[in-house]
N, C-alpha and C. Protein backbone atom coordinates (compact mmCIF):
# COMPACT_ATOMS: atom_id res chain seq x y z
N UNK A 1 7.54 -9.64 -7.30
CA UNK A 1 8.98 -9.66 -7.46
C UNK A 1 9.67 -9.01 -6.27
N UNK A 2 9.09 -7.92 -5.73
CA UNK A 2 9.71 -7.23 -4.60
C UNK A 2 9.77 -8.13 -3.38
N UNK A 3 8.76 -8.99 -3.20
CA UNK A 3 8.77 -9.91 -2.06
C UNK A 3 9.90 -10.93 -2.19
N UNK A 4 10.14 -11.40 -3.40
CA UNK A 4 11.22 -12.36 -3.62
C UNK A 4 12.57 -11.71 -3.32
N UNK A 5 12.76 -10.47 -3.76
CA UNK A 5 14.01 -9.76 -3.48
C UNK A 5 14.18 -9.52 -1.98
N UNK A 6 13.07 -9.19 -1.30
CA UNK A 6 13.14 -9.00 0.15
C UNK A 6 13.53 -10.30 0.85
N UNK A 7 12.97 -11.39 0.41
CA UNK A 7 13.30 -12.70 0.99
C UNK A 7 14.77 -13.03 0.75
N UNK A 8 15.27 -12.75 -0.45
CA UNK A 8 16.69 -13.00 -0.75
C UNK A 8 17.57 -12.19 0.19
N UNK A 9 17.21 -10.92 0.41
CA UNK A 9 17.98 -10.07 1.31
C UNK A 9 17.96 -10.63 2.74
N UNK A 10 16.80 -10.97 3.22
CA UNK A 10 16.67 -11.46 4.59
C UNK A 10 17.39 -12.80 4.76
N UNK A 11 17.27 -13.69 3.80
CA UNK A 11 17.95 -15.00 3.89
C UNK A 11 19.47 -14.81 3.82
N UNK A 12 19.93 -13.89 2.99
CA UNK A 12 21.38 -13.62 2.92
C UNK A 12 21.89 -13.13 4.26
N UNK A 13 21.18 -12.20 4.87
CA UNK A 13 21.56 -11.75 6.21
C UNK A 13 21.45 -12.92 7.19
N UNK A 14 20.44 -13.74 7.00
CA UNK A 14 20.21 -14.87 7.89
C UNK A 14 21.37 -15.86 7.89
N UNK A 15 22.04 -16.02 6.77
CA UNK A 15 23.20 -16.90 6.72
C UNK A 15 24.42 -16.23 7.34
N UNK A 16 24.49 -14.91 7.26
CA UNK A 16 25.65 -14.18 7.77
C UNK A 16 25.66 -14.07 9.28
N UNK A 17 24.51 -13.83 9.91
CA UNK A 17 24.49 -13.59 11.35
C UNK A 17 24.94 -14.79 12.18
N UNK A 18 24.53 -16.01 11.89
CA UNK A 18 25.04 -17.13 12.71
C UNK A 18 26.56 -17.24 12.65
N UNK A 19 27.14 -16.98 11.49
CA UNK A 19 28.61 -17.03 11.39
C UNK A 19 29.23 -15.93 12.25
N UNK A 20 28.61 -14.76 12.27
CA UNK A 20 29.10 -13.66 13.09
C UNK A 20 28.98 -13.97 14.58
N UNK A 21 27.87 -14.59 14.97
CA UNK A 21 27.66 -14.97 16.37
C UNK A 21 28.71 -15.99 16.80
N UNK A 22 28.98 -16.97 15.96
CA UNK A 22 30.00 -17.98 16.28
C UNK A 22 31.36 -17.33 16.41
N UNK A 23 31.67 -16.41 15.51
CA UNK A 23 32.95 -15.70 15.57
C UNK A 23 33.06 -14.89 16.87
N UNK A 24 31.99 -14.21 17.25
CA UNK A 24 31.99 -13.43 18.50
C UNK A 24 32.17 -14.34 19.71
N UNK A 25 31.52 -15.48 19.69
CA UNK A 25 31.61 -16.42 20.81
C UNK A 25 33.04 -16.94 20.96
N UNK A 26 33.64 -17.31 19.86
CA UNK A 26 34.99 -17.87 19.89
C UNK A 26 36.06 -16.81 20.17
N UNK A 27 35.86 -15.60 19.67
CA UNK A 27 36.88 -14.55 19.80
C UNK A 27 37.05 -14.11 21.26
N UNK A 28 35.99 -14.08 22.02
CA UNK A 28 36.03 -13.69 23.43
C UNK A 28 36.62 -12.29 23.63
N UNK A 29 36.42 -11.41 22.66
CA UNK A 29 36.87 -10.03 22.74
C UNK A 29 35.96 -9.15 21.90
N UNK A 30 35.95 -7.86 22.24
CA UNK A 30 35.16 -6.91 21.45
C UNK A 30 35.99 -6.22 20.40
N UNK A 31 37.24 -6.55 20.33
CA UNK A 31 38.11 -5.92 19.33
C UNK A 31 37.56 -6.20 17.93
N UNK A 32 37.41 -5.15 17.16
CA UNK A 32 36.88 -5.29 15.81
C UNK A 32 35.36 -5.24 15.74
N UNK A 33 34.69 -5.06 16.87
CA UNK A 33 33.22 -5.00 16.89
C UNK A 33 32.79 -3.57 17.15
N UNK A 34 31.65 -3.20 16.61
CA UNK A 34 31.10 -1.87 16.82
C UNK A 34 29.73 -2.00 17.49
N UNK A 35 29.65 -1.50 18.72
CA UNK A 35 28.39 -1.55 19.44
C UNK A 35 27.33 -0.70 18.74
N UNK A 36 27.72 0.46 18.24
CA UNK A 36 26.74 1.31 17.56
C UNK A 36 26.20 0.63 16.29
N UNK A 37 27.06 -0.08 15.58
CA UNK A 37 26.62 -0.82 14.39
C UNK A 37 25.60 -1.90 14.78
N UNK A 38 25.90 -2.65 15.84
CA UNK A 38 24.98 -3.70 16.27
C UNK A 38 23.63 -3.13 16.69
N UNK A 39 23.66 -2.01 17.44
CA UNK A 39 22.40 -1.39 17.84
C UNK A 39 21.63 -0.85 16.64
N UNK A 40 22.32 -0.32 15.67
CA UNK A 40 21.67 0.19 14.47
C UNK A 40 20.97 -0.94 13.70
N UNK A 41 21.66 -2.05 13.54
CA UNK A 41 21.06 -3.21 12.87
C UNK A 41 19.88 -3.75 13.68
N UNK A 42 20.05 -3.83 15.00
CA UNK A 42 19.00 -4.31 15.90
C UNK A 42 17.75 -3.44 15.74
N UNK A 43 17.95 -2.11 15.76
CA UNK A 43 16.84 -1.18 15.58
C UNK A 43 16.21 -1.34 14.19
N UNK A 44 17.03 -1.58 13.19
CA UNK A 44 16.52 -1.79 11.84
C UNK A 44 15.60 -2.99 11.75
N UNK A 45 15.96 -4.07 12.43
CA UNK A 45 15.09 -5.25 12.43
C UNK A 45 13.79 -4.97 13.19
N UNK A 46 13.86 -4.19 14.27
CA UNK A 46 12.64 -3.81 14.98
C UNK A 46 11.72 -3.04 14.03
N UNK A 47 12.30 -2.11 13.27
CA UNK A 47 11.50 -1.33 12.31
C UNK A 47 10.94 -2.23 11.22
N UNK A 48 11.74 -3.19 10.73
CA UNK A 48 11.27 -4.11 9.70
C UNK A 48 10.11 -4.97 10.18
N UNK A 49 10.23 -5.46 11.42
CA UNK A 49 9.16 -6.28 11.99
C UNK A 49 7.90 -5.43 12.18
N UNK A 50 8.08 -4.22 12.71
CA UNK A 50 6.93 -3.32 12.91
C UNK A 50 6.27 -2.99 11.58
N UNK A 51 7.08 -2.83 10.52
CA UNK A 51 6.50 -2.51 9.21
C UNK A 51 5.61 -3.64 8.71
N UNK A 52 5.98 -4.87 9.02
CA UNK A 52 5.14 -6.00 8.60
C UNK A 52 3.81 -5.99 9.34
N UNK A 53 3.86 -5.71 10.65
CA UNK A 53 2.62 -5.70 11.43
C UNK A 53 1.71 -4.53 11.08
N UNK A 54 2.26 -3.45 10.56
CA UNK A 54 1.44 -2.29 10.21
C UNK A 54 1.04 -2.25 8.73
N UNK A 55 1.52 -3.23 7.95
CA UNK A 55 1.19 -3.30 6.53
C UNK A 55 -0.09 -4.12 6.37
N UNK A 56 -1.17 -3.43 6.04
CA UNK A 56 -2.47 -4.11 5.95
C UNK A 56 -2.49 -5.21 4.90
N UNK A 57 -1.86 -4.98 3.76
CA UNK A 57 -1.84 -5.99 2.69
C UNK A 57 -1.07 -7.23 3.16
N UNK A 58 0.05 -7.03 3.86
CA UNK A 58 0.82 -8.17 4.36
C UNK A 58 0.01 -8.94 5.40
N UNK A 59 -0.60 -8.22 6.33
CA UNK A 59 -1.36 -8.88 7.39
C UNK A 59 -2.58 -9.61 6.82
N UNK A 60 -3.17 -9.09 5.75
CA UNK A 60 -4.32 -9.76 5.13
C UNK A 60 -3.91 -11.10 4.53
N UNK A 61 -2.66 -11.18 4.08
CA UNK A 61 -2.16 -12.42 3.47
C UNK A 61 -1.18 -13.14 4.39
N UNK A 62 -1.24 -12.85 5.68
CA UNK A 62 -0.26 -13.39 6.64
C UNK A 62 -0.17 -14.91 6.61
N UNK A 63 -1.32 -15.59 6.48
CA UNK A 63 -1.29 -17.06 6.49
C UNK A 63 -0.53 -17.64 5.31
N UNK A 64 -0.30 -16.85 4.25
CA UNK A 64 0.48 -17.31 3.11
C UNK A 64 1.88 -16.72 3.09
N UNK A 65 2.12 -15.66 3.87
CA UNK A 65 3.42 -14.98 3.82
C UNK A 65 4.08 -14.87 5.19
N UNK A 66 3.72 -15.74 6.12
CA UNK A 66 4.25 -15.70 7.48
C UNK A 66 5.77 -15.87 7.50
N UNK A 67 6.30 -16.59 6.52
CA UNK A 67 7.73 -16.92 6.51
C UNK A 67 8.62 -15.69 6.40
N UNK A 68 8.12 -14.61 5.79
CA UNK A 68 8.91 -13.38 5.69
C UNK A 68 9.15 -12.82 7.09
N UNK A 69 8.10 -12.74 7.88
CA UNK A 69 8.22 -12.26 9.26
C UNK A 69 9.08 -13.21 10.08
N UNK A 70 8.96 -14.49 9.83
CA UNK A 70 9.78 -15.48 10.54
C UNK A 70 11.27 -15.18 10.37
N UNK A 71 11.69 -14.88 9.14
CA UNK A 71 13.11 -14.60 8.90
C UNK A 71 13.54 -13.27 9.51
N UNK A 72 12.65 -12.29 9.53
CA UNK A 72 12.96 -11.03 10.22
C UNK A 72 13.21 -11.30 11.71
N UNK A 73 12.32 -12.07 12.31
CA UNK A 73 12.45 -12.37 13.74
C UNK A 73 13.69 -13.21 14.01
N UNK A 74 13.96 -14.17 13.16
CA UNK A 74 15.16 -15.01 13.33
C UNK A 74 16.42 -14.15 13.28
N UNK A 75 16.52 -13.26 12.31
CA UNK A 75 17.67 -12.37 12.21
C UNK A 75 17.76 -11.44 13.41
N UNK A 76 16.61 -10.93 13.85
CA UNK A 76 16.56 -10.08 15.04
C UNK A 76 17.13 -10.82 16.25
N UNK A 77 16.78 -12.08 16.40
CA UNK A 77 17.30 -12.88 17.51
C UNK A 77 18.81 -13.11 17.38
N UNK A 78 19.29 -13.29 16.17
CA UNK A 78 20.74 -13.47 15.95
C UNK A 78 21.50 -12.20 16.33
N UNK A 79 20.98 -11.05 15.93
CA UNK A 79 21.63 -9.78 16.28
C UNK A 79 21.56 -9.57 17.79
N UNK A 80 20.43 -9.92 18.40
CA UNK A 80 20.30 -9.84 19.85
C UNK A 80 21.31 -10.72 20.56
N UNK A 81 21.52 -11.91 20.03
CA UNK A 81 22.53 -12.82 20.59
C UNK A 81 23.92 -12.22 20.45
N UNK A 82 24.20 -11.62 19.31
CA UNK A 82 25.50 -10.99 19.11
C UNK A 82 25.69 -9.81 20.05
N UNK A 83 24.62 -9.07 20.32
CA UNK A 83 24.69 -7.98 21.29
C UNK A 83 25.02 -8.51 22.69
N UNK A 84 24.37 -9.59 23.08
CA UNK A 84 24.66 -10.20 24.38
C UNK A 84 26.12 -10.65 24.45
N UNK A 85 26.59 -11.25 23.37
CA UNK A 85 27.99 -11.69 23.33
C UNK A 85 28.95 -10.50 23.38
N UNK A 86 28.55 -9.38 22.79
CA UNK A 86 29.38 -8.18 22.87
C UNK A 86 29.62 -7.80 24.32
N UNK A 87 28.54 -7.77 25.11
CA UNK A 87 28.68 -7.38 26.51
C UNK A 87 29.44 -8.43 27.32
N UNK A 88 29.24 -9.70 27.00
CA UNK A 88 30.04 -10.74 27.65
C UNK A 88 31.51 -10.53 27.32
N UNK A 89 31.80 -10.31 26.04
CA UNK A 89 33.19 -10.14 25.61
C UNK A 89 33.79 -8.86 26.17
N UNK A 90 32.99 -7.81 26.32
CA UNK A 90 33.48 -6.56 26.92
C UNK A 90 33.90 -6.82 28.36
N UNK A 91 33.10 -7.60 29.07
CA UNK A 91 33.43 -7.98 30.44
C UNK A 91 34.71 -8.81 30.48
N UNK A 92 34.86 -9.73 29.54
CA UNK A 92 36.08 -10.53 29.47
C UNK A 92 37.29 -9.65 29.15
N UNK A 93 37.11 -8.67 28.28
CA UNK A 93 38.20 -7.73 27.97
C UNK A 93 38.64 -6.98 29.23
N UNK A 94 37.67 -6.53 30.02
CA UNK A 94 38.01 -5.81 31.25
C UNK A 94 38.73 -6.73 32.24
N UNK A 95 38.27 -7.97 32.37
CA UNK A 95 38.94 -8.93 33.26
C UNK A 95 40.35 -9.20 32.81
N UNK A 96 40.55 -9.35 31.52
CA UNK A 96 41.88 -9.62 30.98
C UNK A 96 42.82 -8.43 31.15
N UNK A 97 42.28 -7.22 31.07
CA UNK A 97 43.14 -6.05 31.23
C UNK A 97 43.57 -5.87 32.69
N UNK A 98 42.75 -6.32 33.64
CA UNK A 98 43.09 -6.25 35.05
C UNK A 98 44.19 -7.23 35.40
N UNK A 99 44.12 -8.42 34.82
CA UNK A 99 45.09 -9.46 35.15
C UNK A 99 46.44 -9.24 34.47
N UNK A 100 46.47 -8.38 33.47
CA UNK A 100 47.75 -8.14 32.77
C UNK A 100 48.57 -7.20 33.52
């Protein structure tokens, strides 16, 4: 049951991050974004991925439960993309403030 709940959590986050990335891309600004929040989430996914690799029971059944790690990695990549967009948007904010 705990694995099903974990999958529900990861999939829920998985649906949220692409929408956030699209919003960041379109907004072209860092207003309303928190860099510390993004880094905290990014670090959390690193810890979650590491926990899977260090869990002997999970690794023993990896060929049947690989999809859990897949969603962790997918979410990690989405947060990484949002971090990259943050820095792009920060640069755009600085350019816009110079031209004003």
